[in-house]
Amino acid sequence: MFRVNVKKEVTTYCPKCRKHQVHSVSLYKPGKRRALAKGERHHDREKRGYGGQKYPLQREFSKTTKKQTLKLKCKVCGYARHKDGIRLRKLVIA
């Protein structure tokens, strides 16, 4: 699959309303990583000093596509949830 068109609004099940409602569809984008989060501090501590990385760094990337995650937001109650997407080159929300 190279290109997939997704509608801006889809009717799907809302777990908060407990019935099918109209949802707005957008592409999920991860937020900025917090430097003071416990995992980040642990990772930085592991990397410090002698001994190098605790796991191998990925030198070359083997995959040519990404799995796109869709964000579905209910138009009635505003409840948002994620839907794992399929592996594709381009996702068009139209």
N, C-alpha and C. Protein backbone atom coordinates (compact mmCIF):
# COMPACT_ATOMS: atom_id res chain seq x y z
N MET A 1 0.84 -1.19 0.00
CA MET A 1 0.00 0.00 0.00
C MET A 1 0.88 1.24 0.00
N PHE A 2 0.55 2.17 -0.87
CA PHE A 2 1.36 3.37 -0.96
C PHE A 2 0.65 4.58 -0.38
N ARG A 3 -0.63 4.75 -0.73
CA ARG A 3 -1.35 5.94 -0.32
C ARG A 3 -2.75 5.54 0.11
N VAL A 4 -3.17 6.04 1.27
CA VAL A 4 -4.49 5.72 1.80
C VAL A 4 -5.22 7.01 2.11
N ASN A 5 -6.46 7.12 1.64
CA ASN A 5 -7.30 8.27 1.95
C ASN A 5 -8.21 7.93 3.12
N VAL A 6 -8.23 8.80 4.12
CA VAL A 6 -9.09 8.62 5.28
C VAL A 6 -9.99 9.84 5.39
N LYS A 7 -11.28 9.60 5.69
CA LYS A 7 -12.22 10.72 5.81
C LYS A 7 -11.95 11.51 7.08
N LYS A 8 -12.30 12.82 7.06
CA LYS A 8 -12.10 13.68 8.22
C LYS A 8 -13.02 13.29 9.37
N GLU A 9 -14.19 12.76 9.03
CA GLU A 9 -15.15 12.34 10.05
C GLU A 9 -15.60 10.92 9.76
N VAL A 10 -15.58 10.07 10.78
CA VAL A 10 -16.04 8.69 10.64
C VAL A 10 -17.00 8.39 11.78
N THR A 11 -17.93 7.47 11.52
CA THR A 11 -18.85 7.02 12.56
C THR A 11 -18.29 5.71 13.11
N THR A 12 -17.96 5.73 14.40
CA THR A 12 -17.40 4.55 15.05
C THR A 12 -17.81 4.54 16.52
N TYR A 13 -17.51 3.44 17.20
CA TYR A 13 -17.95 3.26 18.58
C TYR A 13 -17.19 4.17 19.54
N CYS A 14 -17.94 4.83 20.43
CA CYS A 14 -17.33 5.65 21.48
C CYS A 14 -17.52 4.92 22.81
N PRO A 15 -16.41 4.55 23.48
CA PRO A 15 -16.55 3.81 24.74
C PRO A 15 -17.14 4.64 25.87
N LYS A 16 -17.06 5.97 25.80
CA LYS A 16 -17.62 6.81 26.85
C LYS A 16 -19.14 6.97 26.68
N CYS A 17 -19.56 7.22 25.43
CA CYS A 17 -21.01 7.31 25.15
C CYS A 17 -21.65 5.92 25.10
N ARG A 18 -20.83 4.90 24.89
CA ARG A 18 -21.24 3.49 24.77
C ARG A 18 -22.19 3.26 23.60
N LYS A 19 -21.97 4.02 22.51
CA LYS A 19 -22.68 3.78 21.26
C LYS A 19 -21.91 4.43 20.12
N HIS A 20 -22.34 4.17 18.90
CA HIS A 20 -21.66 4.72 17.74
C HIS A 20 -21.96 6.22 17.61
N GLN A 21 -20.90 6.99 17.43
CA GLN A 21 -21.02 8.43 17.26
C GLN A 21 -20.09 8.88 16.14
N VAL A 22 -20.26 10.12 15.73
CA VAL A 22 -19.37 10.70 14.71
C VAL A 22 -18.08 11.14 15.40
N HIS A 23 -16.94 10.75 14.84
CA HIS A 23 -15.63 11.10 15.37
C HIS A 23 -14.85 11.90 14.34
N SER A 24 -14.09 12.89 14.80
CA SER A 24 -13.18 13.60 13.91
C SER A 24 -11.84 12.86 13.91
N VAL A 25 -11.23 12.76 12.75
CA VAL A 25 -9.99 11.99 12.59
C VAL A 25 -8.83 12.94 12.36
N SER A 26 -7.74 12.71 13.11
CA SER A 26 -6.51 13.46 12.88
C SER A 26 -5.34 12.51 13.07
N LEU A 27 -4.16 12.97 12.68
CA LEU A 27 -2.96 12.15 12.77
C LEU A 27 -2.31 12.38 14.14
N TYR A 28 -1.98 11.31 14.85
CA TYR A 28 -1.34 11.42 16.16
C TYR A 28 0.10 11.84 16.00
N LYS A 29 0.49 12.83 16.81
CA LYS A 29 1.87 13.29 16.81
C LYS A 29 2.38 13.25 18.24
N PRO A 30 3.47 12.53 18.51
CA PRO A 30 3.95 12.48 19.89
C PRO A 30 4.46 13.84 20.35
N GLY A 31 4.24 14.15 21.63
CA GLY A 31 4.67 15.43 22.18
C GLY A 31 6.17 15.45 22.43
N LYS A 32 6.62 16.58 22.97
CA LYS A 32 8.03 16.76 23.26
C LYS A 32 8.40 15.87 24.45
N ARG A 33 9.57 15.25 24.39
CA ARG A 33 10.02 14.38 25.49
C ARG A 33 10.46 15.24 26.67
N ARG A 34 10.06 14.84 27.88
CA ARG A 34 10.40 15.59 29.09
C ARG A 34 11.75 15.10 29.62
N ALA A 35 12.67 16.03 29.78
CA ALA A 35 14.02 15.66 30.22
C ALA A 35 14.04 15.21 31.67
N LEU A 36 13.07 15.63 32.47
CA LEU A 36 13.05 15.28 33.89
C LEU A 36 12.17 14.08 34.19
N ALA A 37 11.65 13.41 33.16
CA ALA A 37 10.86 12.20 33.39
C ALA A 37 11.78 11.10 33.90
N LYS A 38 11.22 10.17 34.70
CA LYS A 38 12.04 9.15 35.36
C LYS A 38 12.82 8.30 34.35
N GLY A 39 12.16 7.91 33.28
CA GLY A 39 12.82 7.08 32.28
C GLY A 39 13.97 7.80 31.59
N GLU A 40 13.77 9.09 31.31
CA GLU A 40 14.83 9.88 30.67
C GLU A 40 16.02 10.04 31.60
N ARG A 41 15.75 10.28 32.89
CA ARG A 41 16.84 10.43 33.86
C ARG A 41 17.60 9.11 34.02
N HIS A 42 16.86 8.01 34.02
CA HIS A 42 17.50 6.70 34.15
C HIS A 42 18.37 6.42 32.92
N HIS A 43 17.86 6.76 31.74
CA HIS A 43 18.61 6.54 30.50
C HIS A 43 19.89 7.37 30.49
N ASP A 44 19.79 8.63 30.91
CA ASP A 44 20.98 9.50 30.96
C ASP A 44 22.01 8.97 31.94
N ARG A 45 21.52 8.45 33.08
CA ARG A 45 22.42 7.92 34.10
C ARG A 45 23.14 6.67 33.58
N GLU A 46 22.42 5.85 32.82
CA GLU A 46 23.02 4.64 32.26
C GLU A 46 24.10 4.97 31.23
N LYS A 47 23.92 6.07 30.51
CA LYS A 47 24.86 6.43 29.45
C LYS A 47 26.12 7.11 29.98
N ARG A 48 26.04 7.66 31.20
CA ARG A 48 27.18 8.41 31.74
C ARG A 48 28.36 7.51 32.10
N GLY A 49 29.55 8.09 32.13
CA GLY A 49 30.74 7.37 32.58
C GLY A 49 31.27 6.40 31.54
N TYR A 50 32.02 5.42 32.01
CA TYR A 50 32.60 4.43 31.11
C TYR A 50 31.61 3.30 30.88
N GLY A 51 31.75 2.64 29.75
CA GLY A 51 30.87 1.49 29.47
C GLY A 51 30.00 1.71 28.27
N GLY A 52 29.81 2.96 27.87
CA GLY A 52 29.06 3.25 26.65
C GLY A 52 27.58 2.95 26.75
N GLN A 53 27.00 2.71 25.58
CA GLN A 53 25.56 2.46 25.49
C GLN A 53 25.20 1.12 26.11
N LYS A 54 24.00 1.03 26.67
CA LYS A 54 23.53 -0.22 27.25
C LYS A 54 22.86 -1.10 26.20
N TYR A 55 22.60 -0.54 25.05
CA TYR A 55 22.00 -1.29 23.95
C TYR A 55 22.58 -0.75 22.65
N PRO A 56 22.61 -1.54 21.59
CA PRO A 56 23.24 -1.07 20.35
C PRO A 56 22.46 0.07 19.69
N LEU A 57 23.17 1.08 19.23
CA LEU A 57 22.54 2.17 18.49
C LEU A 57 22.17 1.67 17.11
N GLN A 58 21.02 2.12 16.61
CA GLN A 58 20.57 1.70 15.29
C GLN A 58 21.28 2.55 14.24
N ARG A 59 22.16 1.94 13.49
CA ARG A 59 22.97 2.68 12.54
C ARG A 59 22.22 2.95 11.24
N GLU A 60 21.55 1.94 10.72
CA GLU A 60 20.80 2.14 9.49
C GLU A 60 19.38 1.65 9.70
N PHE A 61 18.46 2.34 9.09
CA PHE A 61 17.05 2.02 9.29
C PHE A 61 16.58 1.10 8.17
N SER A 62 15.96 -0.02 8.54
CA SER A 62 15.60 -1.02 7.55
C SER A 62 14.20 -0.79 6.96
N LYS A 63 13.33 -0.15 7.73
CA LYS A 63 11.95 0.02 7.27
C LYS A 63 11.85 1.23 6.35
N THR A 64 10.96 1.12 5.36
CA THR A 64 10.76 2.24 4.43
C THR A 64 9.47 2.98 4.74
N THR A 65 8.63 2.41 5.62
CA THR A 65 7.36 3.05 5.96
C THR A 65 7.20 3.10 7.46
N LYS A 66 6.20 3.88 7.92
CA LYS A 66 5.89 3.96 9.34
C LYS A 66 4.45 3.54 9.55
N LYS A 67 4.17 3.07 10.77
CA LYS A 67 2.79 2.78 11.13
C LYS A 67 2.17 4.07 11.63
N GLN A 68 1.19 4.58 10.91
CA GLN A 68 0.55 5.83 11.28
C GLN A 68 -0.55 5.56 12.29
N THR A 69 -0.58 6.33 13.38
CA THR A 69 -1.61 6.20 14.40
C THR A 69 -2.64 7.30 14.21
N LEU A 70 -3.91 6.92 14.20
CA LEU A 70 -5.00 7.89 14.04
C LEU A 70 -5.54 8.29 15.40
N LYS A 71 -5.91 9.57 15.54
CA LYS A 71 -6.52 10.06 16.77
C LYS A 71 -7.99 10.31 16.47
N LEU A 72 -8.86 9.59 17.16
CA LEU A 72 -10.30 9.73 16.97
C LEU A 72 -10.88 10.51 18.14
N LYS A 73 -11.59 11.61 17.84
CA LYS A 73 -12.18 12.42 18.89
C LYS A 73 -13.68 12.48 18.68
N CYS A 74 -14.44 12.08 19.71
CA CYS A 74 -15.90 12.04 19.63
C CYS A 74 -16.44 13.46 19.54
N LYS A 75 -17.37 13.68 18.61
CA LYS A 75 -17.95 15.00 18.40
C LYS A 75 -18.97 15.33 19.49
N VAL A 76 -19.51 14.30 20.16
CA VAL A 76 -20.56 14.52 21.16
C VAL A 76 -19.96 14.80 22.54
N CYS A 77 -19.09 13.88 23.03
CA CYS A 77 -18.57 14.02 24.40
C CYS A 77 -17.13 14.52 24.43
N GLY A 78 -16.41 14.49 23.31
CA GLY A 78 -15.03 14.98 23.27
C GLY A 78 -13.99 13.97 23.67
N TYR A 79 -14.40 12.71 23.90
CA TYR A 79 -13.46 11.66 24.30
C TYR A 79 -12.56 11.31 23.12
N ALA A 80 -11.25 11.30 23.37
CA ALA A 80 -10.29 11.02 22.30
C ALA A 80 -9.61 9.69 22.57
N ARG A 81 -9.42 8.91 21.54
CA ARG A 81 -8.69 7.65 21.66
C ARG A 81 -7.87 7.44 20.41
N HIS A 82 -6.88 6.54 20.51
CA HIS A 82 -5.98 6.26 19.40
C HIS A 82 -6.38 4.96 18.72
N LYS A 83 -6.17 4.93 17.42
CA LYS A 83 -6.40 3.72 16.65
C LYS A 83 -5.11 3.41 15.91
N ASP A 84 -4.54 2.24 16.18
CA ASP A 84 -3.29 1.87 15.51
C ASP A 84 -3.54 1.71 14.03
N GLY A 85 -2.71 2.37 13.25
CA GLY A 85 -2.87 2.32 11.81
C GLY A 85 -2.10 1.18 11.19
N ILE A 86 -2.19 1.09 9.88
CA ILE A 86 -1.46 0.07 9.15
C ILE A 86 -0.19 0.70 8.60
N ARG A 87 0.73 -0.13 8.18
CA ARG A 87 1.99 0.34 7.63
C ARG A 87 1.75 0.89 6.22
N LEU A 88 2.04 2.17 6.03
CA LEU A 88 1.83 2.77 4.71
C LEU A 88 2.78 3.92 4.49
N ARG A 89 2.94 4.29 3.23
CA ARG A 89 3.88 5.35 2.88
C ARG A 89 3.27 6.73 3.11
N LYS A 90 1.99 6.91 2.70
CA LYS A 90 1.39 8.22 2.82
C LYS A 90 -0.05 8.10 3.27
N LEU A 91 -0.42 8.90 4.27
CA LEU A 91 -1.79 8.92 4.77
C LEU A 91 -2.37 10.29 4.47
N VAL A 92 -3.50 10.33 3.77
CA VAL A 92 -4.14 11.58 3.40
C VAL A 92 -5.49 11.66 4.11
N ILE A 93 -5.67 12.66 4.96
CA ILE A 93 -6.97 12.87 5.61
C ILE A 93 -7.73 13.88 4.79
N ALA A 94 -8.79 13.40 4.12
CA ALA A 94 -9.56 14.27 3.22
C ALA A 94 -11.04 14.18 3.52
